[in-house]
Amino acid sequence: MARGRVLTEKEKGEISALHKCRLSERAIAKVLERSRPLIHAYLTCPDSYNTTKRPGRPKQLTPTAERRLFQEASKGKSSAPKLKTQLHPDLSARRIRELLQKHPGFKFDKRMASPVLTKHHKANRLKWAREKVTWDAAKWSQVVFSDEKKFNLDGPDDLQFYWHDLRFETQIYWRHQSGGGSVMVLGAFCAGGKSELVILEGRRTVNAMSTPCRSISCYL
């Protein structure tokens, strides 16, 4: 059973005053909206109230060690297992997660893939949509939609979670633009059809990009 809230200094004074006025323990409990056993425990021995050592497992971290843990977690660079290795090898990663979850200043959150759109960005997108909504088939037939996708060999860019310190801005994860080993594919479509998927090999310069673009145009 959970332990009840202990009496405050103000409540202790009120109990003593009401007891001197010869109110019963039940009456005092009703006035203060506290339990009768609690009133009885205090009146039995006021000097020793709440001085008994509480049973249970002692805290694994000192207040100083907890502050150090929260300071390191606030950097947003370490997971619970990493914090365990760096700071407290004798503490489980699960316990570290529990401490961070209980702390009101932390939230296990996902890094944003890109900055949030500003009002300026939203206005420009709305303007573009309004201009294009009246286009006919002849105009759209002159447009080619193309895109590329790079697959990193050392893991995905997204699915990045971290312990977010709510005092700071949400982190934005960076993407690999080069290096680390990757495969890039390029594709396109238009009113006339779609291209085959082009696999880009090796390093690419501006001139080198013209080859896959020509191969795509053959299918459109």
Protein backbone atom coordinates (compact mmCIF):
# COMPACT_ATOMS: atom_id res chain seq x y z
CA MET A 1 0.00 0.00 0.00
CA ALA A 2 1.28 3.47 -0.83
CA ARG A 3 2.45 5.61 2.04
CA GLY A 4 0.21 8.59 2.82
CA ARG A 5 1.26 12.22 2.83
CA VAL A 6 3.03 13.19 6.06
CA LEU A 7 1.81 16.05 8.23
CA THR A 8 3.12 19.53 7.55
CA GLU A 9 4.36 21.80 10.33
CA LYS A 10 1.16 23.83 10.02
CA GLU A 11 -1.01 20.72 10.41
CA LYS A 12 1.00 19.61 13.44
CA GLY A 13 0.33 22.96 15.12
CA GLU A 14 -3.37 22.77 14.29
CA ILE A 15 -3.65 19.26 15.72
CA SER A 16 -1.95 20.31 18.97
CA ALA A 17 -4.20 23.36 19.29
CA LEU A 18 -7.41 21.41 18.61
CA HIS A 19 -6.33 18.67 21.01
CA LYS A 20 -5.84 21.26 23.77
CA CYS A 21 -9.38 22.41 23.06
CA ARG A 22 -10.42 18.83 23.95
CA LEU A 23 -11.55 17.83 20.46
CA SER A 24 -11.52 14.09 19.85
CA GLU A 25 -9.16 12.49 17.35
CA ARG A 26 -12.11 11.78 15.06
CA ALA A 27 -13.23 15.44 15.21
CA ILE A 28 -9.70 16.70 14.50
CA ALA A 29 -9.43 14.31 11.56
CA LYS A 30 -12.70 15.66 10.15
CA VAL A 31 -11.59 19.29 10.51
CA LEU A 32 -8.21 18.71 8.82
CA GLU A 33 -9.59 16.14 6.36
CA ARG A 34 -6.92 13.63 7.39
CA SER A 35 -7.29 10.07 8.67
CA ARG A 36 -7.93 9.35 12.35
CA PRO A 37 -4.99 6.85 12.61
CA LEU A 38 -2.67 9.60 11.37
CA ILE A 39 -3.95 12.02 14.03
CA HIS A 40 -3.56 9.31 16.66
CA ALA A 41 0.01 8.51 15.56
CA TYR A 42 1.02 12.15 15.94
CA LEU A 43 -0.69 12.73 19.30
CA THR A 44 0.78 9.53 20.77
CA CYS A 45 4.34 10.88 20.46
CA PRO A 46 4.68 14.23 18.65
CA ASP A 47 8.48 14.39 19.04
CA SER A 48 9.13 11.06 17.32
CA TYR A 49 6.52 11.46 14.55
CA ASN A 50 7.91 10.59 11.10
CA THR A 51 11.41 9.89 12.43
CA THR A 52 11.28 6.12 11.91
CA LYS A 53 13.53 4.97 9.09
CA ARG A 54 11.46 3.89 6.11
CA PRO A 55 11.99 0.34 4.87
CA GLY A 56 12.86 -0.48 1.30
CA ARG A 57 15.80 -0.49 -1.06
CA PRO A 58 18.19 2.45 -0.64
CA LYS A 59 18.61 4.85 -3.55
CA GLN A 60 21.19 3.70 -6.08
CA LEU A 61 22.25 7.22 -7.01
CA THR A 62 23.17 10.15 -4.83
CA PRO A 63 21.56 13.54 -5.61
CA THR A 64 24.87 14.64 -7.15
CA ALA A 65 25.02 11.55 -9.38
CA GLU A 66 21.41 12.12 -10.49
CA ARG A 67 22.19 15.73 -11.45
CA ARG A 68 25.21 14.53 -13.43
CA LEU A 69 23.02 11.99 -15.22
CA PHE A 70 20.41 14.61 -16.15
CA GLN A 71 23.10 17.05 -17.32
CA GLU A 72 24.56 14.44 -19.66
CA ALA A 73 21.12 13.39 -20.92
CA SER A 74 20.18 17.03 -21.64
CA LYS A 75 22.85 17.11 -24.39
CA GLY A 76 20.58 14.80 -26.41
CA LYS A 77 23.46 12.65 -27.65
CA SER A 78 23.28 9.59 -25.39
CA SER A 79 20.78 6.76 -25.09
CA ALA A 80 20.08 5.02 -21.79
CA PRO A 81 22.58 2.18 -22.53
CA LYS A 82 25.23 4.74 -23.45
CA LEU A 83 24.59 6.75 -20.27
CA LYS A 84 24.95 3.52 -18.31
CA THR A 85 28.33 2.80 -19.92
CA GLN A 86 29.60 6.36 -19.54
CA LEU A 87 28.44 7.15 -16.01
CA HIS A 88 27.00 4.20 -14.08
CA PRO A 89 28.11 0.73 -15.25
CA ASP A 90 26.55 -0.80 -12.11
CA LEU A 91 23.13 0.68 -12.94
CA SER A 92 20.77 -0.94 -15.46
CA ALA A 93 19.72 0.90 -18.61
CA ARG A 94 16.11 0.24 -17.61
CA ARG A 95 16.60 2.11 -14.33
CA ILE A 96 18.15 5.07 -16.18
CA ARG A 97 15.13 5.17 -18.51
CA GLU A 98 12.81 5.16 -15.47
CA LEU A 99 14.66 8.11 -13.92
CA LEU A 100 14.44 10.11 -17.15
CA GLN A 101 10.76 9.24 -17.64
CA LYS A 102 9.91 10.42 -14.12
CA HIS A 103 11.78 13.70 -14.57
CA PRO A 104 9.33 16.43 -15.70
CA GLY A 105 11.99 18.09 -17.84
CA PHE A 106 12.63 15.17 -20.21
CA LYS A 107 10.65 13.55 -22.99
CA PHE A 108 11.64 10.62 -25.21
CA ASP A 109 11.10 12.24 -28.59
CA LYS A 110 11.98 11.84 -32.25
CA ARG A 111 14.33 14.23 -33.98
CA MET A 112 12.69 16.32 -36.69
CA ALA A 113 13.63 15.47 -40.25
CA SER A 114 13.58 19.15 -41.19
CA PRO A 115 12.82 22.49 -39.58
CA VAL A 116 9.17 23.36 -39.09
CA LEU A 117 7.67 25.35 -41.97
CA THR A 118 7.53 29.07 -41.31
CA LYS A 119 4.61 31.31 -42.27
CA HIS A 120 6.66 32.47 -45.27
CA HIS A 121 7.13 28.88 -46.47
CA LYS A 122 3.42 28.10 -46.08
CA ALA A 123 2.40 31.27 -47.95
CA ASN A 124 4.70 30.41 -50.87
CA ARG A 125 3.36 26.86 -51.08
CA LEU A 126 -0.22 28.09 -51.07
CA LYS A 127 0.62 30.64 -53.76
CA TRP A 128 2.19 27.92 -55.94
CA ALA A 129 -0.86 25.66 -55.52
CA ARG A 130 -3.28 28.44 -56.45
CA GLU A 131 -1.29 29.24 -59.58
CA LYS A 132 -1.20 25.61 -60.74
CA VAL A 133 -4.78 24.63 -59.89
CA THR A 134 -6.06 26.27 -63.09
CA TRP A 135 -3.50 24.62 -65.39
CA ASP A 136 -4.89 22.51 -68.23
CA ALA A 137 -3.58 19.22 -69.61
CA ALA A 138 -1.42 21.00 -72.21
CA LYS A 139 0.59 22.80 -69.54
CA TRP A 140 0.95 19.76 -67.28
CA SER A 141 2.14 17.68 -70.24
CA GLN A 142 5.25 19.88 -70.36
CA VAL A 143 6.18 19.13 -66.74
CA VAL A 144 8.45 16.28 -65.63
CA PHE A 145 8.45 15.22 -61.99
CA SER A 146 11.71 13.61 -60.91
CA ASP A 147 13.25 12.63 -57.61
CA GLU A 148 16.16 10.68 -56.23
CA LYS A 149 16.60 8.52 -53.16
CA LYS A 150 19.86 7.65 -51.44
CA PHE A 151 20.11 4.49 -49.34
CA ASN A 152 22.90 4.63 -46.77
CA LEU A 153 24.85 1.44 -46.17
CA ASP A 154 25.58 2.38 -42.55
CA GLY A 155 21.94 2.65 -41.51
CA PRO A 156 18.90 4.86 -42.11
CA ASP A 157 18.85 8.61 -41.59
CA ASP A 158 15.45 8.59 -39.89
CA LEU A 159 14.02 6.75 -36.86
CA GLN A 160 16.26 8.76 -34.56
CA PHE A 161 14.93 9.09 -31.02
CA TYR A 162 16.60 10.84 -28.11
CA TRP A 163 15.94 12.21 -24.61
CA HIS A 164 14.72 15.73 -25.28
CA ASP A 165 15.40 18.33 -22.59
CA LEU A 166 12.22 20.44 -22.75
CA ARG A 167 14.18 23.60 -21.96
CA PHE A 168 15.78 23.48 -25.42
CA GLU A 169 14.57 23.41 -29.02
CA THR A 170 13.78 20.08 -30.67
CA GLN A 171 16.82 18.61 -32.41
CA ILE A 172 16.95 18.18 -36.19
CA TYR A 173 18.86 15.16 -37.44
CA TRP A 174 21.38 15.52 -40.25
CA ARG A 175 21.36 13.40 -43.37
CA HIS A 176 24.28 11.84 -45.19
CA GLN A 177 25.01 13.77 -48.36
CA SER A 178 28.22 11.94 -49.20
CA GLY A 179 30.50 9.31 -47.75
CA GLY A 180 29.69 6.36 -45.55
CA GLY A 181 28.77 4.15 -48.50
CA SER A 182 25.44 4.55 -50.27
CA VAL A 183 23.35 3.70 -53.32
CA MET A 184 21.36 6.38 -55.15
CA VAL A 185 18.46 5.77 -57.52
CA LEU A 186 16.70 8.27 -59.78
CA GLY A 187 13.26 8.15 -61.36
CA ALA A 188 10.73 10.42 -63.08
CA PHE A 189 7.23 10.54 -64.54
CA CYS A 190 5.11 12.90 -66.63
CA ALA A 191 1.86 12.89 -68.59
CA GLY A 192 3.44 10.65 -71.23
CA GLY A 193 4.56 7.88 -68.89
CA LYS A 194 7.21 7.00 -66.37
CA SER A 195 10.90 6.22 -66.57
CA GLU A 196 12.75 3.13 -65.52
CA LEU A 197 14.60 3.40 -62.24
CA VAL A 198 18.16 4.57 -62.85
CA ILE A 199 20.86 3.40 -60.44
CA LEU A 200 23.64 5.94 -60.07
CA GLU A 201 27.09 4.43 -59.61
CA GLY A 202 30.24 6.13 -58.37
CA ARG A 203 30.71 9.80 -57.56
CA ARG A 204 28.60 12.31 -59.47
CA THR A 205 29.46 15.75 -60.79
CA VAL A 206 27.23 18.18 -62.68
CA ASN A 207 28.41 16.75 -66.03
CA ALA A 208 28.06 13.17 -64.84
CA MET A 209 24.43 13.77 -63.90
CA SER A 210 23.54 14.46 -67.54
CA THR A 211 23.84 10.75 -68.44
CA PRO A 212 21.03 9.47 -66.20
CA CYS A 213 18.91 12.48 -67.16
CA ARG A 214 19.25 11.56 -70.86
CA SER A 215 18.37 7.95 -70.10
CA ILE A 216 15.24 9.07 -68.27
CA SER A 217 14.16 11.35 -71.12
CA CYS A 218 14.09 8.36 -73.47
CA TYR A 219 11.14 6.91 -71.59
CA LEU A 220 9.08 10.11 -71.45
